[in-house]
Amino acid sequence: MAREQSRALADKSNKEGDLKAVKKDFESQIAMLDAKVSSISTRVSSGFEMRNVRCILMDHRIAGYRLTVRMDNGHVTRRRKLDPEDMQMKLTEEVPEPYYSQAGLIVDDEGWDAEGCVIPVFEDEWEVLRTLPDVKMEPIIGKDKRIEEVKKKK
């Protein structure tokens, strides 16, 4: 009877340990869900959430300004005046890359009294922006030889 009692006490102890482990596991799962609910509630109550969005920085497209253009929707999110050190030109013998096209972009910057703008873009920027529904691409009107060559190829 002593051995049977000993086994019963050991089994009871094991089951209590299992219960504590399962209880702790469920408590941690509940805590994770509470944190998730809290995070979602904060975003809902504030009306927005912060996300990292890749952008293109465009200098001097509008003389003396830097534009920040989102790569996910093509909107101009920020326009700021260039600092004097940003406007320093690098001396080089390389021929500057000509503009490839011009883009009509929607302006989201509240500090800029414009709903949209038309700016020249390089070929790599054109590749990114041309697929976005809010961006209107047009050939550059003027004497840009590269644009004339692109027209001839089409």
C-alpha atoms as a PDB file:
ATOM      1  CA  MET A   1       0.000   0.000   0.000  1.00  0.00           C
ATOM      2  CA  ALA A   2       2.929   2.345   0.687  1.00  0.00           C
ATOM      3  CA  ARG A   3       4.304   1.792  -2.813  1.00  0.00           C
ATOM      4  CA  GLU A   4       0.876   2.359  -4.329  1.00  0.00           C
ATOM      5  CA  GLN A   5       0.504   5.547  -2.295  1.00  0.00           C
ATOM      6  CA  SER A   6       3.972   6.672  -3.398  1.00  0.00           C
ATOM      7  CA  ARG A   7       3.118   6.086  -7.082  1.00  0.00           C
ATOM      8  CA  ALA A   8      -0.202   7.906  -6.698  1.00  0.00           C
ATOM      9  CA  LEU A   9       1.553  10.894  -5.095  1.00  0.00           C
ATOM     10  CA  ALA A  10       4.183  10.918  -7.876  1.00  0.00           C
ATOM     11  CA  ASP A  11       1.445  10.748 -10.556  1.00  0.00           C
ATOM     12  CA  LYS A  12      -0.437  13.553  -8.822  1.00  0.00           C
ATOM     13  CA  SER A  13       2.733  15.659  -8.682  1.00  0.00           C
ATOM     14  CA  ASN A  14       3.415  15.013 -12.403  1.00  0.00           C
ATOM     15  CA  LYS A  15      -0.149  15.938 -13.354  1.00  0.00           C
ATOM     16  CA  GLU A  16       0.042  19.140 -11.284  1.00  0.00           C
ATOM     17  CA  GLY A  17       3.325  20.014 -13.050  1.00  0.00           C
ATOM     18  CA  ASP A  18       1.705  19.333 -16.436  1.00  0.00           C
ATOM     19  CA  LEU A  19      -1.251  21.521 -15.446  1.00  0.00           C
ATOM     20  CA  LYS A  20       1.098  24.391 -14.472  1.00  0.00           C
ATOM     21  CA  ALA A  21       3.004  24.086 -17.772  1.00  0.00           C
ATOM     22  CA  VAL A  22      -0.178  24.067 -19.856  1.00  0.00           C
ATOM     23  CA  LYS A  23      -1.573  26.952 -17.804  1.00  0.00           C
ATOM     24  CA  LYS A  24       1.602  29.018 -18.361  1.00  0.00           C
ATOM     25  CA  ASP A  25       1.513  28.216 -22.075  1.00  0.00           C
ATOM     26  CA  PHE A  26      -2.088  29.411 -22.374  1.00  0.00           C
ATOM     27  CA  GLU A  27      -1.343  32.505 -20.275  1.00  0.00           C
ATOM     28  CA  SER A  28       1.483  33.469 -22.640  1.00  0.00           C
ATOM     29  CA  GLN A  29      -0.780  32.922 -25.669  1.00  0.00           C
ATOM     30  CA  ILE A  30      -3.476  35.088 -24.066  1.00  0.00           C
ATOM     31  CA  ALA A  31      -0.895  37.808 -23.305  1.00  0.00           C
ATOM     32  CA  MET A  32       0.244  37.795 -26.971  1.00  0.00           C
ATOM     33  CA  LEU A  33      -3.353  38.141 -28.140  1.00  0.00           C
ATOM     34  CA  ASP A  34      -3.941  40.993 -25.651  1.00  0.00           C
ATOM     35  CA  ALA A  35      -0.906  42.813 -27.076  1.00  0.00           C
ATOM     36  CA  LYS A  36      -2.198  42.280 -30.631  1.00  0.00           C
ATOM     37  CA  VAL A  37      -5.659  43.616 -29.706  1.00  0.00           C
ATOM     38  CA  SER A  38      -4.070  46.634 -28.006  1.00  0.00           C
ATOM     39  CA  SER A  39      -1.915  47.372 -31.054  1.00  0.00           C
ATOM     40  CA  ILE A  40      -4.879  47.190 -33.424  1.00  0.00           C
ATOM     41  CA  SER A  41      -6.993  49.347 -31.082  1.00  0.00           C
ATOM     42  CA  THR A  42      -4.281  52.020 -31.026  1.00  0.00           C
ATOM     43  CA  ARG A  43      -4.118  52.120 -34.835  1.00  0.00           C
ATOM     44  CA  VAL A  44      -7.904  52.250 -35.143  1.00  0.00           C
ATOM     45  CA  SER A  45      -8.288  55.043 -32.585  1.00  0.00           C
ATOM     46  CA  SER A  46      -5.478  57.146 -34.087  1.00  0.00           C
ATOM     47  CA  GLY A  47      -6.810  56.662 -37.612  1.00  0.00           C
ATOM     48  CA  PHE A  48      -3.458  55.714 -39.149  1.00  0.00           C
ATOM     49  CA  GLU A  49      -0.454  53.473 -38.777  1.00  0.00           C
ATOM     50  CA  MET A  50       3.206  54.111 -39.460  1.00  0.00           C
ATOM     51  CA  ARG A  51       4.772  52.134 -42.308  1.00  0.00           C
ATOM     52  CA  ASN A  52       8.082  52.318 -44.099  1.00  0.00           C
ATOM     53  CA  VAL A  53       7.526  53.395 -47.696  1.00  0.00           C
ATOM     54  CA  ARG A  54      10.303  53.597 -50.280  1.00  0.00           C
ATOM     55  CA  CYS A  55      10.603  57.028 -51.871  1.00  0.00           C
ATOM     56  CA  ILE A  56      12.467  58.770 -54.675  1.00  0.00           C
ATOM     57  CA  LEU A  57      14.244  62.039 -53.839  1.00  0.00           C
ATOM     58  CA  MET A  58      14.138  64.441 -56.766  1.00  0.00           C
ATOM     59  CA  ASP A  59      16.320  67.541 -56.604  1.00  0.00           C
ATOM     60  CA  HIS A  60      15.898  70.636 -58.790  1.00  0.00           C
ATOM     61  CA  ARG A  61      12.880  69.289 -60.688  1.00  0.00           C
ATOM     62  CA  ILE A  62      11.309  72.455 -59.403  1.00  0.00           C
ATOM     63  CA  ALA A  63      14.204  74.917 -59.168  1.00  0.00           C
ATOM     64  CA  GLY A  64      15.681  75.026 -55.660  1.00  0.00           C
ATOM     65  CA  TYR A  65      13.460  72.307 -54.191  1.00  0.00           C
ATOM     66  CA  ARG A  66      13.697  68.622 -53.252  1.00  0.00           C
ATOM     67  CA  LEU A  67      10.597  66.520 -53.824  1.00  0.00           C
ATOM     68  CA  THR A  68       9.940  63.270 -51.995  1.00  0.00           C
ATOM     69  CA  VAL A  69       7.867  60.952 -54.193  1.00  0.00           C
ATOM     70  CA  ARG A  70       6.380  57.712 -52.881  1.00  0.00           C
ATOM     71  CA  MET A  71       7.200  54.631 -54.944  1.00  0.00           C
ATOM     72  CA  ASP A  72       3.946  52.856 -54.052  1.00  0.00           C
ATOM     73  CA  ASN A  73       1.490  55.467 -55.356  1.00  0.00           C
ATOM     74  CA  GLY A  74       3.614  58.199 -57.015  1.00  0.00           C
ATOM     75  CA  HIS A  75       2.327  61.010 -54.812  1.00  0.00           C
ATOM     76  CA  VAL A  76       4.578  63.915 -53.806  1.00  0.00           C
ATOM     77  CA  THR A  77       4.550  63.685 -50.025  1.00  0.00           C
ATOM     78  CA  ARG A  78       7.001  66.450 -49.247  1.00  0.00           C
ATOM     79  CA  ARG A  79       8.566  69.490 -50.888  1.00  0.00           C
ATOM     80  CA  ARG A  80      11.354  71.358 -49.163  1.00  0.00           C
ATOM     81  CA  LYS A  81      13.773  74.072 -50.129  1.00  0.00           C
ATOM     82  CA  LEU A  82      17.266  72.763 -50.792  1.00  0.00           C
ATOM     83  CA  ASP A  83      19.992  73.763 -48.364  1.00  0.00           C
ATOM     84  CA  PRO A  84      23.004  75.607 -49.820  1.00  0.00           C
ATOM     85  CA  GLU A  85      25.200  72.499 -49.428  1.00  0.00           C
ATOM     86  CA  ASP A  86      22.589  70.444 -51.330  1.00  0.00           C
ATOM     87  CA  MET A  87      22.817  72.853 -54.250  1.00  0.00           C
ATOM     88  CA  GLN A  88      26.597  72.513 -54.689  1.00  0.00           C
ATOM     89  CA  MET A  89      27.406  71.049 -58.088  1.00  0.00           C
ATOM     90  CA  LYS A  90      30.021  68.371 -58.529  1.00  0.00           C
ATOM     91  CA  LEU A  91      32.523  69.138 -61.270  1.00  0.00           C
ATOM     92  CA  THR A  92      32.787  66.314 -63.763  1.00  0.00           C
ATOM     93  CA  GLU A  93      33.431  65.717 -67.419  1.00  0.00           C
ATOM     94  CA  GLU A  94      30.573  63.247 -67.705  1.00  0.00           C
ATOM     95  CA  VAL A  95      27.622  64.268 -69.820  1.00  0.00           C
ATOM     96  CA  PRO A  96      24.580  64.630 -67.560  1.00  0.00           C
ATOM     97  CA  GLU A  97      21.812  62.113 -68.094  1.00  0.00           C
ATOM     98  CA  PRO A  98      18.931  63.686 -70.033  1.00  0.00           C
ATOM     99  CA  TYR A  99      15.382  63.498 -68.782  1.00  0.00           C
ATOM    100  CA  TYR A 100      13.451  60.611 -70.258  1.00  0.00           C
ATOM    101  CA  SER A 101       9.832  61.707 -69.842  1.00  0.00           C
ATOM    102  CA  GLN A 102       7.638  63.914 -67.700  1.00  0.00           C
ATOM    103  CA  ALA A 103       5.256  62.761 -65.005  1.00  0.00           C
ATOM    104  CA  GLY A 104       2.043  64.283 -63.737  1.00  0.00           C
ATOM    105  CA  LEU A 105       2.008  63.627 -59.989  1.00  0.00           C
ATOM    106  CA  ILE A 106      -0.579  64.221 -57.264  1.00  0.00           C
ATOM    107  CA  VAL A 107       0.648  66.471 -54.432  1.00  0.00           C
ATOM    108  CA  ASP A 108      -0.120  65.353 -50.855  1.00  0.00           C
ATOM    109  CA  ASP A 109       2.179  67.913 -49.174  1.00  0.00           C
ATOM    110  CA  GLU A 110      -0.103  70.169 -47.137  1.00  0.00           C
ATOM    111  CA  GLY A 111       2.469  72.971 -47.172  1.00  0.00           C
ATOM    112  CA  TRP A 112       2.299  73.230 -50.958  1.00  0.00           C
ATOM    113  CA  ASP A 113      -0.737  74.955 -52.445  1.00  0.00           C
ATOM    114  CA  ALA A 114      -1.007  72.633 -55.427  1.00  0.00           C
ATOM    115  CA  GLU A 115      -3.076  69.580 -56.224  1.00  0.00           C
ATOM    116  CA  GLY A 116      -0.600  68.255 -58.748  1.00  0.00           C
ATOM    117  CA  CYS A 117       2.633  68.968 -60.597  1.00  0.00           C
ATOM    118  CA  VAL A 118       4.359  67.953 -63.812  1.00  0.00           C
ATOM    119  CA  ILE A 119       8.050  67.186 -63.447  1.00  0.00           C
ATOM    120  CA  PRO A 120      10.736  65.658 -65.668  1.00  0.00           C
ATOM    121  CA  VAL A 121      11.939  62.148 -64.755  1.00  0.00           C
ATOM    122  CA  PHE A 122      14.926  59.998 -65.638  1.00  0.00           C
ATOM    123  CA  GLU A 123      14.535  56.580 -67.251  1.00  0.00           C
ATOM    124  CA  ASP A 124      14.976  54.593 -64.019  1.00  0.00           C
ATOM    125  CA  GLU A 125      12.354  56.762 -62.282  1.00  0.00           C
ATOM    126  CA  TRP A 126      10.065  56.308 -65.287  1.00  0.00           C
ATOM    127  CA  GLU A 127      10.377  52.519 -64.933  1.00  0.00           C
ATOM    128  CA  VAL A 128       9.107  52.732 -61.347  1.00  0.00           C
ATOM    129  CA  LEU A 129       6.405  55.386 -61.790  1.00  0.00           C
ATOM    130  CA  ARG A 130       4.879  54.364 -65.139  1.00  0.00           C
ATOM    131  CA  THR A 131       2.941  51.416 -63.690  1.00  0.00           C
ATOM    132  CA  LEU A 132       1.236  53.425 -60.937  1.00  0.00           C
ATOM    133  CA  PRO A 133      -2.420  54.339 -61.621  1.00  0.00           C
ATOM    134  CA  ASP A 134      -2.233  57.895 -60.198  1.00  0.00           C
ATOM    135  CA  VAL A 135       0.777  58.889 -62.346  1.00  0.00           C
ATOM    136  CA  LYS A 136       0.295  60.271 -65.847  1.00  0.00           C
ATOM    137  CA  MET A 137       3.353  59.943 -68.092  1.00  0.00           C
ATOM    138  CA  GLU A 138       3.908  62.137 -71.144  1.00  0.00           C
ATOM    139  CA  PRO A 139       6.805  62.720 -73.503  1.00  0.00           C
ATOM    140  CA  ILE A 140       8.847  65.825 -72.811  1.00  0.00           C
ATOM    141  CA  ILE A 141       7.876  68.708 -75.039  1.00  0.00           C
ATOM    142  CA  GLY A 142      11.030  70.424 -76.240  1.00  0.00           C
ATOM    143  CA  LYS A 143      14.417  69.621 -77.666  1.00  0.00           C
ATOM    144  CA  ASP A 144      15.316  66.524 -75.668  1.00  0.00           C
ATOM    145  CA  LYS A 145      16.983  64.266 -78.282  1.00  0.00           C
ATOM    146  CA  ARG A 146      16.513  61.118 -76.258  1.00  0.00           C
ATOM    147  CA  ILE A 147      12.745  61.563 -76.154  1.00  0.00           C
ATOM    148  CA  GLU A 148      12.668  62.090 -79.914  1.00  0.00           C
ATOM    149  CA  GLU A 149      14.655  58.861 -80.343  1.00  0.00           C
ATOM    150  CA  VAL A 150      12.227  56.951 -78.129  1.00  0.00           C
ATOM    151  CA  LYS A 151       9.310  58.229 -80.233  1.00  0.00           C
ATOM    152  CA  LYS A 152      10.983  56.993 -83.442  1.00  0.00           C
ATOM    153  CA  LYS A 153      11.521  53.475 -82.023  1.00  0.00           C
ATOM    154  CA  LYS A 154       7.844  52.999 -81.131  1.00  0.00           C
END
